[in-house]
Amino acid sequence: MLNWVEFVTLLIIVVAAYFSIRVSNLLFAVVALAALSLLLSLEFYLLKAPDVAIAEAGIGAGLTTAIYVLAIYQIEKRDKKK
């Protein structure tokens, strides 16, 4: 059963990566990247690497997503001033 869970997780990771590349809405792309990172941390946990999974979840999904959202907010704020 674990092989199916890993396969489905990897399949959803590929779908999230595709959406993060192909969408034109930047915020949706950042959300897709955050989902990809969370699923990647799940995959690391399933592969018995919990320390890597925690680092990926904290940095990849948390910190990186926050930085991207703040950057998008600043760009939109700057564009509205012009």
N, C-alpha and C. Protein backbone atom coordinates (compact mmCIF):
# COMPACT_ATOMS: atom_id res chain seq x y z
N MET A 1 0.82 -1.20 0.00
CA MET A 1 0.00 0.00 0.00
C MET A 1 0.86 1.26 0.00
N LEU A 2 2.00 1.21 0.65
CA LEU A 2 2.85 2.38 0.72
C LEU A 2 3.35 2.80 -0.66
N ASN A 3 3.54 1.84 -1.53
CA ASN A 3 3.97 2.18 -2.89
C ASN A 3 2.92 2.99 -3.62
N TRP A 4 1.65 2.69 -3.39
CA TRP A 4 0.58 3.45 -4.03
C TRP A 4 0.53 4.87 -3.49
N VAL A 5 0.73 5.01 -2.20
CA VAL A 5 0.72 6.35 -1.60
C VAL A 5 1.87 7.18 -2.17
N GLU A 6 3.04 6.57 -2.28
CA GLU A 6 4.18 7.29 -2.86
C GLU A 6 3.93 7.65 -4.31
N PHE A 7 3.32 6.73 -5.06
CA PHE A 7 3.04 7.00 -6.47
C PHE A 7 2.04 8.13 -6.63
N VAL A 8 0.98 8.10 -5.84
CA VAL A 8 -0.04 9.16 -5.93
C VAL A 8 0.56 10.49 -5.51
N THR A 9 1.39 10.48 -4.47
CA THR A 9 2.04 11.72 -4.03
C THR A 9 2.92 12.28 -5.13
N LEU A 10 3.70 11.43 -5.77
CA LEU A 10 4.56 11.90 -6.85
C LEU A 10 3.75 12.41 -8.05
N LEU A 11 2.63 11.75 -8.33
CA LEU A 11 1.78 12.20 -9.42
C LEU A 11 1.20 13.59 -9.13
N ILE A 12 0.76 13.82 -7.90
CA ILE A 12 0.22 15.13 -7.53
C ILE A 12 1.32 16.18 -7.52
N ILE A 13 2.54 15.79 -7.16
CA ILE A 13 3.67 16.72 -7.21
C ILE A 13 3.90 17.19 -8.65
N VAL A 14 3.83 16.27 -9.60
CA VAL A 14 4.01 16.64 -11.01
C VAL A 14 2.89 17.55 -11.48
N VAL A 15 1.67 17.28 -11.06
CA VAL A 15 0.53 18.13 -11.43
C VAL A 15 0.69 19.53 -10.84
N ALA A 16 1.11 19.61 -9.59
CA ALA A 16 1.32 20.92 -8.96
C ALA A 16 2.44 21.69 -9.64
N ALA A 17 3.50 20.98 -10.05
CA ALA A 17 4.59 21.64 -10.76
C ALA A 17 4.10 22.16 -12.12
N TYR A 18 3.28 21.39 -12.80
CA TYR A 18 2.73 21.82 -14.09
C TYR A 18 1.88 23.09 -13.91
N PHE A 19 1.01 23.09 -12.89
CA PHE A 19 0.18 24.26 -12.66
C PHE A 19 1.01 25.48 -12.27
N SER A 20 2.05 25.28 -11.50
CA SER A 20 2.86 26.42 -11.09
C SER A 20 3.60 27.04 -12.27
N ILE A 21 3.84 26.28 -13.30
CA ILE A 21 4.52 26.80 -14.48
C ILE A 21 3.54 27.41 -15.48
N ARG A 22 2.39 26.80 -15.65
CA ARG A 22 1.50 27.16 -16.75
C ARG A 22 0.47 28.25 -16.43
N VAL A 23 0.20 28.54 -15.18
CA VAL A 23 -0.83 29.52 -14.87
C VAL A 23 -0.28 30.93 -15.03
N SER A 24 -1.17 31.84 -15.34
CA SER A 24 -0.75 33.23 -15.51
C SER A 24 -0.91 34.05 -14.22
N ASN A 25 -1.73 33.58 -13.30
CA ASN A 25 -1.93 34.26 -12.03
C ASN A 25 -0.77 33.92 -11.10
N LEU A 26 -0.01 34.92 -10.69
CA LEU A 26 1.18 34.67 -9.87
C LEU A 26 0.84 34.11 -8.50
N LEU A 27 -0.23 34.57 -7.91
CA LEU A 27 -0.60 34.08 -6.59
C LEU A 27 -0.99 32.61 -6.64
N PHE A 28 -1.70 32.21 -7.69
CA PHE A 28 -2.06 30.80 -7.86
C PHE A 28 -0.81 29.95 -8.07
N ALA A 29 0.16 30.50 -8.80
CA ALA A 29 1.42 29.77 -9.00
C ALA A 29 2.17 29.58 -7.69
N VAL A 30 2.14 30.58 -6.83
CA VAL A 30 2.80 30.46 -5.52
C VAL A 30 2.09 29.43 -4.65
N VAL A 31 0.76 29.41 -4.70
CA VAL A 31 0.01 28.41 -3.94
C VAL A 31 0.32 27.00 -4.46
N ALA A 32 0.44 26.86 -5.77
CA ALA A 32 0.80 25.56 -6.34
C ALA A 32 2.21 25.15 -5.91
N LEU A 33 3.13 26.10 -5.85
CA LEU A 33 4.48 25.78 -5.36
C LEU A 33 4.47 25.40 -3.89
N ALA A 34 3.63 26.04 -3.10
CA ALA A 34 3.52 25.68 -1.68
C ALA A 34 2.96 24.27 -1.52
N ALA A 35 1.96 23.94 -2.33
CA ALA A 35 1.41 22.58 -2.30
C ALA A 35 2.46 21.57 -2.73
N LEU A 36 3.22 21.92 -3.75
CA LEU A 36 4.29 21.04 -4.21
C LEU A 36 5.30 20.81 -3.10
N SER A 37 5.66 21.84 -2.39
CA SER A 37 6.63 21.71 -1.31
C SER A 37 6.10 20.88 -0.16
N LEU A 38 4.83 21.07 0.18
CA LEU A 38 4.25 20.25 1.25
C LEU A 38 4.18 18.78 0.85
N LEU A 39 3.82 18.52 -0.39
CA LEU A 39 3.78 17.13 -0.85
C LEU A 39 5.18 16.54 -0.93
N LEU A 40 6.14 17.35 -1.27
CA LEU A 40 7.52 16.88 -1.30
C LEU A 40 8.00 16.54 0.11
N SER A 41 7.59 17.33 1.09
CA SER A 41 7.96 17.00 2.46
C SER A 41 7.27 15.71 2.91
N LEU A 42 6.04 15.48 2.46
CA LEU A 42 5.38 14.21 2.74
C LEU A 42 6.14 13.05 2.11
N GLU A 43 6.60 13.25 0.89
CA GLU A 43 7.38 12.20 0.21
C GLU A 43 8.69 11.92 0.95
N PHE A 44 9.35 12.95 1.42
CA PHE A 44 10.56 12.74 2.21
C PHE A 44 10.26 11.96 3.49
N TYR A 45 9.13 12.26 4.12
CA TYR A 45 8.75 11.53 5.32
C TYR A 45 8.48 10.06 5.01
N LEU A 46 7.80 9.81 3.89
CA LEU A 46 7.53 8.43 3.49
C LEU A 46 8.80 7.68 3.16
N LEU A 47 9.81 8.39 2.72
CA LEU A 47 11.10 7.77 2.42
C LEU A 47 12.00 7.67 3.65
N LYS A 48 11.41 7.93 4.82
CA LYS A 48 12.09 7.81 6.11
C LYS A 48 13.24 8.80 6.28
N ALA A 49 12.97 10.03 5.88
CA ALA A 49 13.91 11.12 6.10
C ALA A 49 13.16 12.27 6.78
N PRO A 50 12.80 12.09 8.05
CA PRO A 50 11.96 13.10 8.71
C PRO A 50 12.65 14.43 8.92
N ASP A 51 13.98 14.44 9.08
CA ASP A 51 14.67 15.71 9.26
C ASP A 51 14.62 16.55 7.98
N VAL A 52 14.77 15.90 6.85
CA VAL A 52 14.66 16.61 5.56
C VAL A 52 13.22 17.06 5.33
N ALA A 53 12.26 16.25 5.75
CA ALA A 53 10.85 16.60 5.58
C ALA A 53 10.49 17.84 6.40
N ILE A 54 11.00 17.92 7.62
CA ILE A 54 10.71 19.08 8.46
C ILE A 54 11.35 20.34 7.86
N ALA A 55 12.57 20.20 7.37
CA ALA A 55 13.25 21.36 6.76
C ALA A 55 12.52 21.81 5.50
N GLU A 56 12.07 20.86 4.69
CA GLU A 56 11.35 21.21 3.46
C GLU A 56 10.02 21.88 3.79
N ALA A 57 9.33 21.38 4.77
CA ALA A 57 8.04 21.98 5.14
C ALA A 57 8.23 23.38 5.71
N GLY A 58 9.22 23.54 6.55
CA GLY A 58 9.42 24.84 7.19
C GLY A 58 9.96 25.89 6.25
N ILE A 59 10.97 25.54 5.51
CA ILE A 59 11.61 26.51 4.62
C ILE A 59 10.90 26.57 3.28
N GLY A 60 10.69 25.42 2.67
CA GLY A 60 10.09 25.38 1.33
C GLY A 60 8.66 25.86 1.28
N ALA A 61 7.84 25.30 2.16
CA ALA A 61 6.42 25.67 2.13
C ALA A 61 6.13 26.93 2.92
N GLY A 62 6.80 27.11 4.03
CA GLY A 62 6.49 28.26 4.87
C GLY A 62 7.19 29.53 4.49
N LEU A 63 8.49 29.55 4.63
CA LEU A 63 9.26 30.78 4.43
C LEU A 63 9.27 31.24 2.98
N THR A 64 9.51 30.32 2.07
CA THR A 64 9.57 30.69 0.65
C THR A 64 8.23 31.20 0.15
N THR A 65 7.16 30.56 0.57
CA THR A 65 5.83 31.01 0.16
C THR A 65 5.55 32.41 0.70
N ALA A 66 5.91 32.66 1.94
CA ALA A 66 5.70 33.99 2.51
C ALA A 66 6.50 35.05 1.76
N ILE A 67 7.73 34.74 1.40
CA ILE A 67 8.56 35.71 0.66
C ILE A 67 7.95 35.99 -0.72
N TYR A 68 7.50 34.94 -1.40
CA TYR A 68 6.88 35.13 -2.72
C TYR A 68 5.60 35.96 -2.63
N VAL A 69 4.77 35.68 -1.63
CA VAL A 69 3.52 36.44 -1.49
C VAL A 69 3.82 37.91 -1.18
N LEU A 70 4.79 38.16 -0.32
CA LEU A 70 5.17 39.55 -0.03
C LEU A 70 5.72 40.25 -1.27
N ALA A 71 6.49 39.54 -2.07
CA ALA A 71 7.02 40.14 -3.30
C ALA A 71 5.90 40.47 -4.28
N ILE A 72 4.93 39.58 -4.42
CA ILE A 72 3.79 39.84 -5.31
C ILE A 72 3.01 41.04 -4.80
N TYR A 73 2.81 41.10 -3.49
CA TYR A 73 2.08 42.23 -2.90
C TYR A 73 2.81 43.55 -3.17
N GLN A 74 4.13 43.56 -3.01
CA GLN A 74 4.91 44.78 -3.24
C GLN A 74 4.87 45.19 -4.71
N ILE A 75 4.92 44.23 -5.61
CA ILE A 75 4.86 44.55 -7.04
C ILE A 75 3.51 45.13 -7.40
N GLU A 76 2.43 44.53 -6.90
CA GLU A 76 1.10 45.05 -7.20
C GLU A 76 0.90 46.42 -6.58
N LYS A 77 1.44 46.63 -5.39
CA LYS A 77 1.33 47.94 -4.73
C LYS A 77 2.09 49.00 -5.51
N ARG A 78 3.27 48.66 -6.03
CA ARG A 78 4.05 49.59 -6.81
C ARG A 78 3.37 49.90 -8.15
N ASP A 79 2.76 48.88 -8.76
CA ASP A 79 2.08 49.10 -10.04
C ASP A 79 0.85 49.97 -9.89
N LYS A 80 0.17 49.91 -8.75
CA LYS A 80 -1.01 50.73 -8.54
C LYS A 80 -0.64 52.20 -8.35
N LYS A 81 0.57 52.49 -7.87
CA LYS A 81 1.00 53.86 -7.67
C LYS A 81 1.28 54.54 -9.00
N LYS A 82 1.65 53.80 -10.00
CA LYS A 82 1.99 54.41 -11.30
C LYS A 82 0.80 54.83 -12.08
